Amino acid sequence: MLCNFLISQRLEPSELIAALAYATGVRPGQVDVCAEADSQDLRDWEAFVLCTHHRVRGDVAMSLDVQVQPATVAYGAPETEAELAEALAARTGVAVLYPDDRVDPETYWLAAPAGGSSATVVTRARLVASDVASAEERPVYTVNAVETAVAAFPGAEVTPLAEPAGMNAPSDTSQLGVTG
């Protein structure tokens, strides 16, 4: 499984290793985490979980590209990007955004800690990237709308996010509401 996450707070590599190991049910030594800018030569390409990260600007602090080997399912690993995002949000206490491929490119799913409990809220969010003047400049990301209020993005408008014509609600209703 390949996952693309944007998270609301910066986490240290050791925190990412611990959270990914916990979420996938493998030992921390079976998780390889590396910054995108670092040398890829020392990576453990045989690890059950690979994570490449880089910093981003704005309402989200880091981008994570996570690859989870199919064998991790035997250890209790989540089988979907949504389940892994929820597990990461619950374990780290940070909001985790992941693409909603059904809708426009600015609409994401958002898994975030529910205030004061171990549960997570799963809702949709609109993530807008600023225009950049050059290829070297990185955009600034703003979460400007959410369907359910979350502490990580207090400035986001709480509003329903429109579905494009012809789109149906997700058949997997675990994407909606509070879990945990």
C-alpha atoms as a PDB file:
ATOM      1  CA  MET A   1       0.000   0.000   0.000  1.00  0.00           C
ATOM      2  CA  LEU A   2       1.218   3.479  -0.897  1.00  0.00           C
ATOM      3  CA  CYS A   3       0.031   6.420   1.190  1.00  0.00           C
ATOM      4  CA  ASN A   4       0.459  10.155   0.809  1.00  0.00           C
ATOM      5  CA  PHE A   5      -0.097  12.096   4.020  1.00  0.00           C
ATOM      6  CA  LEU A   6       0.190  15.727   5.032  1.00  0.00           C
ATOM      7  CA  ILE A   7       0.396  16.264   8.784  1.00  0.00           C
ATOM      8  CA  SER A   8      -0.342  19.296  10.916  1.00  0.00           C
ATOM      9  CA  GLN A   9       2.779  19.217  13.097  1.00  0.00           C
ATOM     10  CA  ARG A  10       6.406  18.359  12.561  1.00  0.00           C
ATOM     11  CA  LEU A  11       7.418  14.995  14.007  1.00  0.00           C
ATOM     12  CA  GLU A  12      10.957  13.801  14.631  1.00  0.00           C
ATOM     13  CA  PRO A  13      12.102  10.673  12.744  1.00  0.00           C
ATOM     14  CA  SER A  14      12.053   8.699  16.007  1.00  0.00           C
ATOM     15  CA  GLU A  15       8.413   9.732  16.553  1.00  0.00           C
ATOM     16  CA  LEU A  16       7.514   8.699  13.003  1.00  0.00           C
ATOM     17  CA  ILE A  17       9.221   5.332  13.468  1.00  0.00           C
ATOM     18  CA  ALA A  18       7.408   4.680  16.749  1.00  0.00           C
ATOM     19  CA  ALA A  19       4.015   5.753  15.375  1.00  0.00           C
ATOM     20  CA  LEU A  20       4.329   3.789  12.128  1.00  0.00           C
ATOM     21  CA  ALA A  21       5.548   0.693  13.981  1.00  0.00           C
ATOM     22  CA  TYR A  22       2.643   0.911  16.403  1.00  0.00           C
ATOM     23  CA  ALA A  23       0.095   1.566  13.639  1.00  0.00           C
ATOM     24  CA  THR A  24       1.272  -1.348  11.517  1.00  0.00           C
ATOM     25  CA  GLY A  25       2.035  -3.809  14.312  1.00  0.00           C
ATOM     26  CA  VAL A  26       5.696  -4.276  13.420  1.00  0.00           C
ATOM     27  CA  ARG A  27       8.846  -3.673  15.455  1.00  0.00           C
ATOM     28  CA  PRO A  28      10.455  -0.213  15.162  1.00  0.00           C
ATOM     29  CA  GLY A  29      13.498  -1.851  13.546  1.00  0.00           C
ATOM     30  CA  GLN A  30      11.239  -2.869  10.659  1.00  0.00           C
ATOM     31  CA  VAL A  31      10.382   0.770   9.848  1.00  0.00           C
ATOM     32  CA  ASP A  32      12.727   2.907   7.745  1.00  0.00           C
ATOM     33  CA  VAL A  33      12.257   6.690   7.865  1.00  0.00           C
ATOM     34  CA  CYS A  34      14.339   9.108   5.810  1.00  0.00           C
ATOM     35  CA  ALA A  35      14.159  12.773   4.854  1.00  0.00           C
ATOM     36  CA  GLU A  36      13.686  13.350   1.141  1.00  0.00           C
ATOM     37  CA  ALA A  37      16.839  15.504   1.064  1.00  0.00           C
ATOM     38  CA  ASP A  38      19.012  12.854   2.768  1.00  0.00           C
ATOM     39  CA  SER A  39      21.019  10.177   1.007  1.00  0.00           C
ATOM     40  CA  GLN A  40      18.870   7.243  -0.015  1.00  0.00           C
ATOM     41  CA  ASP A  41      21.915   4.937  -0.098  1.00  0.00           C
ATOM     42  CA  LEU A  42      21.590   3.855   3.541  1.00  0.00           C
ATOM     43  CA  ARG A  43      17.867   3.017   3.377  1.00  0.00           C
ATOM     44  CA  ASP A  44      16.632  -0.400   4.417  1.00  0.00           C
ATOM     45  CA  TRP A  45      14.668  -1.112   1.259  1.00  0.00           C
ATOM     46  CA  GLU A  46      13.574  -4.478   2.722  1.00  0.00           C
ATOM     47  CA  ALA A  47      11.824  -2.864   5.710  1.00  0.00           C
ATOM     48  CA  PHE A  48       8.125  -3.601   6.193  1.00  0.00           C
ATOM     49  CA  VAL A  49       7.399   0.141   6.255  1.00  0.00           C
ATOM     50  CA  LEU A  50       9.240   2.851   4.316  1.00  0.00           C
ATOM     51  CA  CYS A  51       8.572   6.533   4.965  1.00  0.00           C
ATOM     52  CA  THR A  52      10.100   9.459   3.106  1.00  0.00           C
ATOM     53  CA  HIS A  53       9.310  12.877   4.541  1.00  0.00           C
ATOM     54  CA  HIS A  54       9.891  16.538   3.813  1.00  0.00           C
ATOM     55  CA  ARG A  55       8.809  19.800   5.372  1.00  0.00           C
ATOM     56  CA  VAL A  56       6.077  21.873   3.862  1.00  0.00           C
ATOM     57  CA  ARG A  57       4.834  25.375   4.642  1.00  0.00           C
ATOM     58  CA  GLY A  58       1.541  26.624   5.963  1.00  0.00           C
ATOM     59  CA  ASP A  59      -1.178  24.828   7.921  1.00  0.00           C
ATOM     60  CA  VAL A  60       0.542  21.496   7.334  1.00  0.00           C
ATOM     61  CA  ALA A  61       4.103  20.942   8.476  1.00  0.00           C
ATOM     62  CA  MET A  62       5.232  17.713   6.815  1.00  0.00           C
ATOM     63  CA  SER A  63       4.545  15.554   3.805  1.00  0.00           C
ATOM     64  CA  LEU A  64       4.910  11.789   4.267  1.00  0.00           C
ATOM     65  CA  ASP A  65       5.174   9.207   1.499  1.00  0.00           C
ATOM     66  CA  VAL A  66       4.599   5.847   3.185  1.00  0.00           C
ATOM     67  CA  GLN A  67       4.943   2.413   1.638  1.00  0.00           C
ATOM     68  CA  VAL A  68       3.607  -0.513   3.656  1.00  0.00           C
ATOM     69  CA  GLN A  69       4.506  -4.020   2.499  1.00  0.00           C
ATOM     70  CA  PRO A  70       1.546  -6.426   2.079  1.00  0.00           C
ATOM     71  CA  ALA A  71       3.124  -8.832   4.608  1.00  0.00           C
ATOM     72  CA  THR A  72       2.372  -6.372   7.422  1.00  0.00           C
ATOM     73  CA  VAL A  73      -1.309  -7.357   7.303  1.00  0.00           C
ATOM     74  CA  ALA A  74      -0.278 -10.531   9.145  1.00  0.00           C
ATOM     75  CA  TYR A  75       0.876  -8.275  12.017  1.00  0.00           C
ATOM     76  CA  GLY A  76      -2.422  -6.399  12.133  1.00  0.00           C
ATOM     77  CA  ALA A  77      -1.504  -3.493   9.866  1.00  0.00           C
ATOM     78  CA  PRO A  78      -4.291  -1.352   8.424  1.00  0.00           C
ATOM     79  CA  GLU A  79      -5.247  -2.381   4.907  1.00  0.00           C
ATOM     80  CA  THR A  80      -6.201   1.075   3.618  1.00  0.00           C
ATOM     81  CA  GLU A  81      -4.744   4.559   3.532  1.00  0.00           C
ATOM     82  CA  ALA A  82      -7.739   5.776   5.553  1.00  0.00           C
ATOM     83  CA  GLU A  83      -7.164   3.234   8.338  1.00  0.00           C
ATOM     84  CA  LEU A  84      -3.462   4.057   8.538  1.00  0.00           C
ATOM     85  CA  ALA A  85      -4.220   7.804   8.659  1.00  0.00           C
ATOM     86  CA  GLU A  86      -6.633   7.246  11.556  1.00  0.00           C
ATOM     87  CA  ALA A  87      -4.078   5.116  13.409  1.00  0.00           C
ATOM     88  CA  LEU A  88      -1.372   7.776  12.928  1.00  0.00           C
ATOM     89  CA  ALA A  89      -3.675  10.567  14.106  1.00  0.00           C
ATOM     90  CA  ALA A  90      -4.662   8.584  17.193  1.00  0.00           C
ATOM     91  CA  ARG A  91      -1.066   7.621  18.039  1.00  0.00           C
ATOM     92  CA  THR A  92       0.625  10.989  17.385  1.00  0.00           C
ATOM     93  CA  GLY A  93      -2.125  13.458  18.245  1.00  0.00           C
ATOM     94  CA  VAL A  94      -1.632  15.301  14.936  1.00  0.00           C
ATOM     95  CA  ALA A  95      -4.092  15.839  12.117  1.00  0.00           C
ATOM     96  CA  VAL A  96      -3.435  13.681   9.044  1.00  0.00           C
ATOM     97  CA  LEU A  97      -4.721  14.648   5.599  1.00  0.00           C
ATOM     98  CA  TYR A  98      -4.868  12.186   2.721  1.00  0.00           C
ATOM     99  CA  PRO A  99      -6.230  12.537  -0.826  1.00  0.00           C
ATOM    100  CA  ASP A 100      -9.906  12.092  -1.616  1.00  0.00           C
ATOM    101  CA  ASP A 101      -9.565  10.825  -5.162  1.00  0.00           C
ATOM    102  CA  ARG A 102     -13.323  10.971  -5.727  1.00  0.00           C
ATOM    103  CA  VAL A 103     -13.505  14.733  -5.704  1.00  0.00           C
ATOM    104  CA  ASP A 104     -11.462  17.716  -6.810  1.00  0.00           C
ATOM    105  CA  PRO A 105      -7.714  17.828  -6.110  1.00  0.00           C
ATOM    106  CA  GLU A 106      -8.165  20.325  -3.257  1.00  0.00           C
ATOM    107  CA  THR A 107     -10.479  18.028  -1.274  1.00  0.00           C
ATOM    108  CA  TYR A 108      -8.815  15.712   1.234  1.00  0.00           C
ATOM    109  CA  TRP A 109      -9.920  13.349   3.952  1.00  0.00           C
ATOM    110  CA  LEU A 110      -8.813  14.470   7.387  1.00  0.00           C
ATOM    111  CA  ALA A 111      -8.249  12.212  10.388  1.00  0.00           C
ATOM    112  CA  ALA A 112      -7.721  14.216  13.575  1.00  0.00           C
ATOM    113  CA  PRO A 113      -7.769  13.563  17.312  1.00  0.00           C
ATOM    114  CA  ALA A 114     -11.186  14.106  18.871  1.00  0.00           C
ATOM    115  CA  GLY A 115     -10.843  16.618  21.703  1.00  0.00           C
ATOM    116  CA  GLY A 116      -9.653  14.960  24.893  1.00  0.00           C
ATOM    117  CA  SER A 117     -10.227  11.320  23.905  1.00  0.00           C
ATOM    118  CA  SER A 118      -8.464   8.506  22.084  1.00  0.00           C
ATOM    119  CA  ALA A 119     -11.044   8.662  19.288  1.00  0.00           C
ATOM    120  CA  THR A 120     -10.416  10.252  15.928  1.00  0.00           C
ATOM    121  CA  VAL A 121     -12.673  12.465  13.851  1.00  0.00           C
ATOM    122  CA  VAL A 122     -12.741  11.671  10.137  1.00  0.00           C
ATOM    123  CA  THR A 123     -14.053  14.431   7.925  1.00  0.00           C
ATOM    124  CA  ARG A 124     -13.295  16.142   4.658  1.00  0.00           C
ATOM    125  CA  ALA A 125     -11.148  19.234   4.282  1.00  0.00           C
ATOM    126  CA  ARG A 126     -10.219  21.661   1.522  1.00  0.00           C
ATOM    127  CA  LEU A 127      -6.462  22.172   1.186  1.00  0.00           C
ATOM    128  CA  VAL A 128      -5.367  25.047  -1.032  1.00  0.00           C
ATOM    129  CA  ALA A 129      -1.795  25.503  -2.265  1.00  0.00           C
ATOM    130  CA  SER A 130      -0.496  28.995  -2.991  1.00  0.00           C
ATOM    131  CA  ASP A 131       0.786  29.876  -6.423  1.00  0.00           C
ATOM    132  CA  VAL A 132       4.557  29.678  -6.706  1.00  0.00           C
ATOM    133  CA  ALA A 133       6.721  31.970  -8.797  1.00  0.00           C
ATOM    134  CA  SER A 134       9.479  29.455  -9.546  1.00  0.00           C
ATOM    135  CA  ALA A 135      10.192  25.720  -9.472  1.00  0.00           C
ATOM    136  CA  GLU A 136      12.506  26.203  -6.480  1.00  0.00           C
ATOM    137  CA  GLU A 137       9.810  27.828  -4.359  1.00  0.00           C
ATOM    138  CA  ARG A 138       7.502  25.548  -2.367  1.00  0.00           C
ATOM    139  CA  PRO A 139       3.826  26.423  -2.017  1.00  0.00           C
ATOM    140  CA  VAL A 140       2.167  27.438   1.231  1.00  0.00           C
ATOM    141  CA  TYR A 141      -0.734  25.123   2.122  1.00  0.00           C
ATOM    142  CA  THR A 142      -3.897  26.406   3.778  1.00  0.00           C
ATOM    143  CA  VAL A 143      -6.743  24.297   5.157  1.00  0.00           C
ATOM    144  CA  ASN A 144      -9.513  26.799   4.499  1.00  0.00           C
ATOM    145  CA  ALA A 145     -12.588  24.594   5.058  1.00  0.00           C
ATOM    146  CA  VAL A 146     -13.559  21.454   6.985  1.00  0.00           C
ATOM    147  CA  GLU A 147     -16.873  19.666   7.312  1.00  0.00           C
ATOM    148  CA  THR A 148     -16.332  19.109  11.056  1.00  0.00           C
ATOM    149  CA  ALA A 149     -14.373  21.475  13.322  1.00  0.00           C
ATOM    150  CA  VAL A 150     -10.956  20.175  14.405  1.00  0.00           C
ATOM    151  CA  ALA A 151      -8.504  21.774  16.813  1.00  0.00           C
ATOM    152  CA  ALA A 152      -5.571  21.568  14.373  1.00  0.00           C
ATOM    153  CA  PHE A 153      -7.194  24.040  11.959  1.00  0.00           C
ATOM    154  CA  PRO A 154      -9.104  26.605  14.043  1.00  0.00           C
ATOM    155  CA  GLY A 155      -9.187  29.136  11.203  1.00  0.00           C
ATOM    156  CA  ALA A 156     -10.892  26.793   8.745  1.00  0.00           C
ATOM    157  CA  GLU A 157     -14.510  27.526   7.886  1.00  0.00           C
ATOM    158  CA  VAL A 158     -16.846  24.718   8.981  1.00  0.00           C
ATOM    159  CA  THR A 159     -19.046  24.022   5.973  1.00  0.00           C
ATOM    160  CA  PRO A 160     -20.246  21.157   3.788  1.00  0.00           C
ATOM    161  CA  LEU A 161     -17.879  20.525   0.898  1.00  0.00           C
ATOM    162  CA  ALA A 162     -19.700  20.110  -2.390  1.00  0.00           C
ATOM    163  CA  GLU A 163     -19.622  16.866  -4.315  1.00  0.00           C
ATOM    164  CA  PRO A 164     -19.192  17.108  -8.082  1.00  0.00           C
ATOM    165  CA  ALA A 165     -22.305  16.192 -10.087  1.00  0.00           C
ATOM    166  CA  GLY A 166     -22.743  12.444 -10.421  1.00  0.00           C
ATOM    167  CA  MET A 167     -20.626  11.609  -7.365  1.00  0.00           C
ATOM    168  CA  ASN A 168     -22.101   9.394  -4.698  1.00  0.00           C
ATOM    169  CA  ALA A 169     -21.250   9.228  -1.031  1.00  0.00           C
ATOM    170  CA  PRO A 170     -18.428   6.789  -0.257  1.00  0.00           C
ATOM    171  CA  SER A 171     -19.604   3.194   0.015  1.00  0.00           C
ATOM    172  CA  ASP A 172     -17.217   2.792   2.956  1.00  0.00           C
ATOM    173  CA  THR A 173     -19.112   4.702   5.630  1.00  0.00           C
ATOM    174  CA  SER A 174     -16.216   4.345   8.058  1.00  0.00           C
ATOM    175  CA  GLN A 175     -14.869   7.467   6.307  1.00  0.00           C
ATOM    176  CA  LEU A 176     -17.496   9.571   8.030  1.00  0.00           C
ATOM    177  CA  GLY A 177     -17.894  10.624  11.645  1.00  0.00           C
ATOM    178  CA  VAL A 178     -16.066   9.675  14.806  1.00  0.00           C
ATOM    179  CA  THR A 179     -14.263   6.391  15.282  1.00  0.00           C
ATOM    180  CA  GLY A 180     -12.343   4.816  18.081  1.00  0.00           C
END
